[in-house]
């Protein structure tokens, strides 16, 4: 939880988790980072077509929550990559469980790659 507790509205861990990653885009961004995307343009190019203003907003929030770090990889012009922290990578089991649930109950969903489902 961030030091200013901007998302804290109750002591319930489910509520607090959802306040951070329960919107439409945050888990998609984390999924893409787990799958090797690093740059803003790579993240913006996801098939789900996240609006760029939402992408920028979510990346700032994830950085503020210490779930990712923004690292400079080119100085002229300035270019950054986004890297998950341990806190961000620890969401992988949640993504795996959501994928399993979706595969079981949502017809037509594709099965994630084996490495994704086995990674911890």
N, C-alpha and C. Protein backbone atom coordinates (compact mmCIF):
# COMPACT_ATOMS: atom_id res chain seq x y z
N UNK A 1 0.85 -1.17 0.00
CA UNK A 1 0.00 0.00 0.00
C UNK A 1 0.89 1.23 0.00
N UNK A 2 0.49 2.24 -0.72
CA UNK A 2 1.30 3.45 -0.79
C UNK A 2 1.35 4.13 0.57
N UNK A 3 2.41 4.90 0.78
CA UNK A 3 2.62 5.51 2.09
C UNK A 3 1.53 6.51 2.46
N UNK A 4 0.90 7.12 1.46
CA UNK A 4 -0.14 8.10 1.79
C UNK A 4 -1.52 7.45 1.89
N UNK A 5 -1.58 6.13 1.71
CA UNK A 5 -2.84 5.38 1.82
C UNK A 5 -3.95 5.97 0.97
N UNK A 6 -3.62 6.45 -0.22
CA UNK A 6 -4.62 7.06 -1.08
C UNK A 6 -5.73 6.09 -1.49
N UNK A 7 -5.47 4.79 -1.44
CA UNK A 7 -6.48 3.83 -1.86
C UNK A 7 -7.18 3.17 -0.68
N UNK A 8 -6.70 3.42 0.53
CA UNK A 8 -7.23 2.74 1.71
C UNK A 8 -8.63 3.25 2.06
N UNK A 9 -9.63 2.40 1.87
CA UNK A 9 -10.99 2.77 2.26
C UNK A 9 -11.59 1.81 3.26
N UNK A 10 -10.86 0.71 3.53
CA UNK A 10 -11.27 -0.21 4.58
C UNK A 10 -10.08 -1.10 4.90
N UNK A 11 -10.21 -1.90 5.93
CA UNK A 11 -9.15 -2.81 6.30
C UNK A 11 -9.19 -4.13 5.55
N UNK A 12 -10.18 -4.30 4.67
CA UNK A 12 -10.34 -5.56 3.94
C UNK A 12 -9.25 -5.71 2.87
N UNK A 13 -8.49 -6.79 2.91
CA UNK A 13 -7.42 -6.96 1.93
C UNK A 13 -7.94 -7.10 0.50
N UNK A 14 -9.13 -7.66 0.32
CA UNK A 14 -9.71 -7.78 -1.03
C UNK A 14 -10.04 -6.40 -1.57
N UNK A 15 -10.68 -5.58 -0.77
CA UNK A 15 -11.01 -4.22 -1.18
C UNK A 15 -9.75 -3.45 -1.54
N UNK A 16 -8.72 -3.55 -0.71
CA UNK A 16 -7.49 -2.80 -0.97
C UNK A 16 -6.77 -3.32 -2.21
N UNK A 17 -6.76 -4.62 -2.40
CA UNK A 17 -6.18 -5.17 -3.63
C UNK A 17 -6.93 -4.68 -4.85
N UNK A 18 -8.25 -4.72 -4.79
CA UNK A 18 -9.06 -4.26 -5.93
C UNK A 18 -8.91 -2.77 -6.18
N UNK A 19 -8.68 -2.00 -5.14
CA UNK A 19 -8.44 -0.57 -5.33
C UNK A 19 -7.19 -0.33 -6.17
N UNK A 20 -6.24 -1.24 -6.10
CA UNK A 20 -5.00 -1.08 -6.86
C UNK A 20 -5.11 -1.73 -8.24
N UNK A 21 -5.55 -2.99 -8.31
CA UNK A 21 -5.52 -3.67 -9.60
C UNK A 21 -6.89 -4.16 -10.07
N UNK A 22 -7.96 -3.61 -9.56
CA UNK A 22 -9.29 -4.07 -9.92
C UNK A 22 -9.97 -3.29 -11.03
N UNK A 23 -9.24 -2.45 -11.72
CA UNK A 23 -9.85 -1.71 -12.83
C UNK A 23 -9.72 -2.52 -14.12
N UNK A 24 -10.12 -1.95 -15.19
CA UNK A 24 -10.15 -2.64 -16.48
C UNK A 24 -8.77 -2.89 -17.09
N UNK A 25 -7.75 -2.10 -16.72
CA UNK A 25 -6.49 -2.14 -17.44
C UNK A 25 -5.26 -2.58 -16.66
N UNK A 26 -5.24 -2.45 -15.37
CA UNK A 26 -4.02 -2.66 -14.61
C UNK A 26 -3.47 -4.08 -14.76
N UNK A 27 -4.32 -5.09 -14.65
CA UNK A 27 -3.83 -6.46 -14.78
C UNK A 27 -3.38 -6.76 -16.21
N UNK A 28 -3.97 -6.09 -17.20
CA UNK A 28 -3.52 -6.26 -18.58
C UNK A 28 -2.09 -5.71 -18.72
N UNK A 29 -1.83 -4.57 -18.12
CA UNK A 29 -0.48 -3.99 -18.15
C UNK A 29 0.51 -4.92 -17.45
N UNK A 30 0.14 -5.42 -16.29
CA UNK A 30 1.02 -6.33 -15.56
C UNK A 30 1.24 -7.61 -16.37
N UNK A 31 0.18 -8.14 -16.98
CA UNK A 31 0.32 -9.32 -17.84
C UNK A 31 1.36 -9.06 -18.93
N UNK A 32 1.23 -7.90 -19.59
CA UNK A 32 2.14 -7.59 -20.69
C UNK A 32 3.58 -7.42 -20.20
N UNK A 33 3.77 -6.85 -19.03
CA UNK A 33 5.12 -6.72 -18.47
C UNK A 33 5.69 -8.10 -18.13
N UNK A 34 4.87 -8.98 -17.57
CA UNK A 34 5.31 -10.34 -17.28
C UNK A 34 5.71 -11.05 -18.57
N UNK A 35 4.99 -10.77 -19.65
CA UNK A 35 5.23 -11.42 -20.93
C UNK A 35 6.36 -10.78 -21.74
N UNK A 36 7.05 -9.80 -21.18
CA UNK A 36 8.24 -9.28 -21.81
C UNK A 36 8.14 -7.90 -22.44
N UNK A 37 6.97 -7.31 -22.46
CA UNK A 37 6.88 -5.94 -22.97
C UNK A 37 7.54 -5.02 -21.94
N UNK A 38 8.19 -3.97 -22.44
CA UNK A 38 8.89 -3.06 -21.52
C UNK A 38 8.60 -1.60 -21.78
N UNK A 39 8.38 -1.22 -23.02
CA UNK A 39 8.27 0.20 -23.36
C UNK A 39 6.81 0.63 -23.45
N UNK A 40 6.63 1.93 -23.37
CA UNK A 40 5.29 2.51 -23.47
C UNK A 40 4.64 2.09 -24.79
N UNK A 41 5.39 2.19 -25.89
CA UNK A 41 4.81 1.85 -27.19
C UNK A 41 4.46 0.37 -27.28
N UNK A 42 5.27 -0.51 -26.69
CA UNK A 42 4.93 -1.93 -26.68
C UNK A 42 3.65 -2.16 -25.88
N UNK A 43 3.52 -1.49 -24.75
CA UNK A 43 2.32 -1.64 -23.93
C UNK A 43 1.09 -1.07 -24.63
N UNK A 44 1.26 0.05 -25.31
CA UNK A 44 0.14 0.68 -26.02
C UNK A 44 -0.31 -0.16 -27.21
N UNK A 45 0.57 -1.02 -27.70
CA UNK A 45 0.28 -1.83 -28.88
C UNK A 45 -0.41 -3.15 -28.54
N UNK A 46 -0.84 -3.34 -27.32
CA UNK A 46 -1.53 -4.57 -26.94
C UNK A 46 -2.84 -4.71 -27.71
N UNK A 47 -3.27 -5.94 -27.98
CA UNK A 47 -4.49 -6.14 -28.75
C UNK A 47 -5.75 -5.58 -28.08
N UNK A 48 -5.69 -5.35 -26.78
CA UNK A 48 -6.87 -4.80 -26.08
C UNK A 48 -7.07 -3.31 -26.33
N UNK A 49 -6.09 -2.66 -26.94
CA UNK A 49 -6.19 -1.24 -27.33
C UNK A 49 -6.46 -0.32 -26.14
N UNK A 50 -5.60 -0.39 -25.14
CA UNK A 50 -5.74 0.50 -23.99
C UNK A 50 -5.56 1.95 -24.45
N UNK A 51 -6.47 2.84 -24.08
CA UNK A 51 -6.29 4.25 -24.44
C UNK A 51 -4.99 4.79 -23.81
N UNK A 52 -4.27 5.60 -24.56
CA UNK A 52 -2.95 6.06 -24.10
C UNK A 52 -3.03 6.88 -22.81
N UNK A 53 -4.10 7.64 -22.64
CA UNK A 53 -4.22 8.40 -21.39
C UNK A 53 -4.40 7.47 -20.21
N UNK A 54 -5.14 6.37 -20.38
CA UNK A 54 -5.31 5.39 -19.31
C UNK A 54 -4.01 4.65 -19.04
N UNK A 55 -3.27 4.31 -20.10
CA UNK A 55 -1.99 3.64 -19.94
C UNK A 55 -1.05 4.50 -19.10
N UNK A 56 -0.92 5.76 -19.45
CA UNK A 56 -0.04 6.67 -18.71
C UNK A 56 -0.47 6.78 -17.25
N UNK A 57 -1.77 6.88 -17.03
CA UNK A 57 -2.32 6.98 -15.68
C UNK A 57 -2.01 5.73 -14.86
N UNK A 58 -2.24 4.55 -15.44
CA UNK A 58 -2.02 3.29 -14.73
C UNK A 58 -0.53 3.07 -14.46
N UNK A 59 0.33 3.42 -15.41
CA UNK A 59 1.77 3.26 -15.19
C UNK A 59 2.23 4.13 -14.03
N UNK A 60 1.74 5.36 -13.95
CA UNK A 60 2.09 6.24 -12.83
C UNK A 60 1.59 5.67 -11.51
N UNK A 61 0.38 5.13 -11.51
CA UNK A 61 -0.18 4.55 -10.29
C UNK A 61 0.63 3.32 -9.87
N UNK A 62 0.98 2.45 -10.83
CA UNK A 62 1.77 1.26 -10.51
C UNK A 62 3.15 1.63 -9.99
N UNK A 63 3.72 2.69 -10.52
CA UNK A 63 5.01 3.17 -10.03
C UNK A 63 4.86 3.72 -8.61
N UNK A 64 3.82 4.48 -8.37
CA UNK A 64 3.57 5.04 -7.03
C UNK A 64 3.34 3.93 -6.00
N UNK A 65 2.77 2.82 -6.45
CA UNK A 65 2.51 1.69 -5.57
C UNK A 65 3.72 0.76 -5.45
N UNK A 66 4.84 1.15 -6.07
CA UNK A 66 6.08 0.34 -6.05
C UNK A 66 5.87 -1.04 -6.66
N UNK A 67 5.00 -1.11 -7.67
CA UNK A 67 4.78 -2.37 -8.36
C UNK A 67 5.62 -2.45 -9.64
N UNK A 68 6.12 -1.30 -10.07
CA UNK A 68 7.04 -1.27 -11.19
C UNK A 68 7.97 -0.09 -11.01
N UNK A 69 9.09 -0.13 -11.72
CA UNK A 69 10.01 0.99 -11.75
C UNK A 69 10.17 1.42 -13.20
N UNK A 70 10.37 2.70 -13.36
CA UNK A 70 10.57 3.31 -14.67
C UNK A 70 12.07 3.55 -14.80
N UNK A 71 12.70 2.92 -15.80
CA UNK A 71 14.14 3.01 -15.96
C UNK A 71 14.48 3.67 -17.29
N UNK A 72 15.37 4.65 -17.24
CA UNK A 72 15.85 5.32 -18.44
C UNK A 72 16.75 4.36 -19.21
N UNK A 73 16.44 4.13 -20.49
CA UNK A 73 17.32 3.27 -21.29
C UNK A 73 17.93 4.02 -22.48
N UNK A 74 17.47 5.25 -22.71
CA UNK A 74 18.03 6.08 -23.77
C UNK A 74 17.91 7.52 -23.32
N UNK A 75 19.00 8.30 -23.48
CA UNK A 75 18.96 9.66 -22.96
C UNK A 75 18.57 10.71 -23.99
N UNK A 76 18.86 10.49 -25.28
CA UNK A 76 18.49 11.49 -26.30
C UNK A 76 17.84 10.80 -27.48
N UNK A 77 16.54 10.95 -27.67
CA UNK A 77 15.59 11.52 -26.71
C UNK A 77 15.39 10.56 -25.54
N UNK A 78 14.88 11.10 -24.44
CA UNK A 78 14.66 10.27 -23.26
C UNK A 78 13.63 9.19 -23.57
N UNK A 79 14.01 7.97 -23.26
CA UNK A 79 13.12 6.83 -23.42
C UNK A 79 13.24 5.97 -22.16
N UNK A 80 12.09 5.46 -21.75
CA UNK A 80 12.03 4.68 -20.52
C UNK A 80 11.48 3.29 -20.79
N UNK A 81 11.86 2.37 -19.92
CA UNK A 81 11.24 1.06 -19.92
C UNK A 81 10.64 0.85 -18.54
N UNK A 82 9.69 -0.04 -18.48
CA UNK A 82 8.99 -0.33 -17.23
C UNK A 82 9.30 -1.76 -16.81
N UNK A 83 9.71 -1.91 -15.55
CA UNK A 83 10.13 -3.21 -15.03
C UNK A 83 9.35 -3.49 -13.75
N UNK A 84 8.76 -4.67 -13.68
CA UNK A 84 8.03 -5.05 -12.47
C UNK A 84 8.99 -5.24 -11.30
N UNK A 85 8.55 -4.81 -10.14
CA UNK A 85 9.27 -5.07 -8.90
C UNK A 85 8.79 -6.43 -8.37
N UNK A 86 9.37 -6.88 -7.28
CA UNK A 86 8.88 -8.11 -6.66
C UNK A 86 7.40 -7.99 -6.31
N UNK A 87 7.00 -6.83 -5.82
CA UNK A 87 5.60 -6.61 -5.47
C UNK A 87 4.71 -6.77 -6.70
N UNK A 88 5.14 -6.26 -7.83
CA UNK A 88 4.37 -6.40 -9.06
C UNK A 88 4.37 -7.83 -9.59
N UNK A 89 5.53 -8.49 -9.53
CA UNK A 89 5.62 -9.89 -10.00
C UNK A 89 4.81 -10.83 -9.13
N UNK A 90 4.59 -10.47 -7.88
CA UNK A 90 3.83 -11.33 -6.98
C UNK A 90 2.35 -11.41 -7.35
N UNK A 91 1.92 -10.66 -8.33
CA UNK A 91 0.54 -10.74 -8.81
C UNK A 91 0.38 -11.87 -9.83
N UNK A 92 1.48 -12.44 -10.31
CA UNK A 92 1.41 -13.50 -11.31
C UNK A 92 0.47 -14.64 -10.92
N UNK A 93 0.52 -15.17 -9.69
CA UNK A 93 -0.43 -16.26 -9.36
C UNK A 93 -1.90 -15.84 -9.51
N UNK A 94 -2.19 -14.58 -9.27
CA UNK A 94 -3.56 -14.08 -9.46
C UNK A 94 -3.91 -14.13 -10.95
N UNK A 95 -2.98 -13.68 -11.79
CA UNK A 95 -3.20 -13.73 -13.24
C UNK A 95 -3.38 -15.17 -13.71
N UNK A 96 -2.57 -16.07 -13.19
CA UNK A 96 -2.68 -17.47 -13.56
C UNK A 96 -4.05 -18.04 -13.17
N UNK A 97 -4.52 -17.70 -11.98
CA UNK A 97 -5.83 -18.20 -11.54
C UNK A 97 -6.96 -17.60 -12.36
N UNK A 98 -6.86 -16.34 -12.72
CA UNK A 98 -7.88 -15.73 -13.58
C UNK A 98 -7.88 -16.41 -14.94
N UNK A 99 -6.68 -16.71 -15.47
CA UNK A 99 -6.59 -17.40 -16.77
C UNK A 99 -7.22 -18.79 -16.69
N UNK A 100 -6.93 -19.52 -15.63
CA UNK A 100 -7.53 -20.86 -15.46
C UNK A 100 -9.05 -20.76 -15.39
N UNK A 101 -9.54 -19.81 -14.63
CA UNK A 101 -10.98 -19.62 -14.51
C UNK A 101 -11.58 -19.28 -15.87
N UNK A 102 -10.95 -18.35 -16.58
CA UNK A 102 -11.44 -17.97 -17.90
C UNK A 102 -11.45 -19.14 -18.87
N UNK A 103 -10.39 -19.94 -18.85
CA UNK A 103 -10.34 -21.12 -19.73
C UNK A 103 -11.44 -22.11 -19.39
N UNK A 104 -11.78 -22.23 -18.12
CA UNK A 104 -12.83 -23.16 -17.70
C UNK A 104 -14.24 -22.66 -17.99
N UNK A 105 -14.45 -21.35 -17.92
CA UNK A 105 -15.82 -20.84 -17.95
C UNK A 105 -16.16 -19.85 -19.06
N UNK A 106 -15.17 -19.40 -19.82
CA UNK A 106 -15.45 -18.45 -20.90
C UNK A 106 -15.05 -19.10 -22.21
N UNK A 107 -16.06 -19.51 -22.95
CA UNK A 107 -15.83 -20.21 -24.20
C UNK A 107 -15.04 -19.36 -25.19
N UNK A 108 -14.09 -19.98 -25.84
CA UNK A 108 -13.32 -19.29 -26.87
C UNK A 108 -12.06 -18.60 -26.37
N UNK A 109 -11.78 -18.67 -25.07
CA UNK A 109 -10.55 -18.04 -24.59
C UNK A 109 -9.36 -18.91 -24.97
N UNK A 110 -8.22 -18.27 -25.25
CA UNK A 110 -7.02 -19.02 -25.61
C UNK A 110 -6.27 -19.40 -24.34
N UNK A 111 -5.54 -20.48 -24.44
CA UNK A 111 -4.76 -20.96 -23.30
C UNK A 111 -3.41 -20.26 -23.28
N UNK A 112 -3.05 -19.66 -22.15
CA UNK A 112 -1.74 -19.00 -22.05
C UNK A 112 -0.61 -20.00 -22.29
N UNK A 113 0.53 -19.46 -22.69
CA UNK A 113 1.69 -20.31 -22.91
C UNK A 113 2.06 -21.03 -21.62
N UNK A 114 2.63 -22.22 -21.78
CA UNK A 114 2.97 -23.05 -20.64
C UNK A 114 3.90 -22.35 -19.65
N UNK A 115 4.91 -21.62 -20.16
CA UNK A 115 5.85 -20.94 -19.26
C UNK A 115 5.14 -19.93 -18.38
N UNK A 116 4.09 -19.27 -18.92
CA UNK A 116 3.34 -18.28 -18.16
C UNK A 116 2.59 -18.95 -17.01
N UNK A 117 1.99 -20.10 -17.30
CA UNK A 117 1.18 -20.78 -16.31
C UNK A 117 2.04 -21.47 -15.25
N UNK A 118 3.30 -21.76 -15.56
CA UNK A 118 4.18 -22.44 -14.61
C UNK A 118 5.09 -21.48 -13.86
N UNK A 119 5.26 -20.27 -14.37
CA UNK A 119 6.16 -19.31 -13.73
C UNK A 119 5.66 -18.94 -12.35
N UNK A 120 6.58 -18.74 -11.45
CA UNK A 120 6.21 -18.29 -10.09
C UNK A 120 7.20 -17.24 -9.64
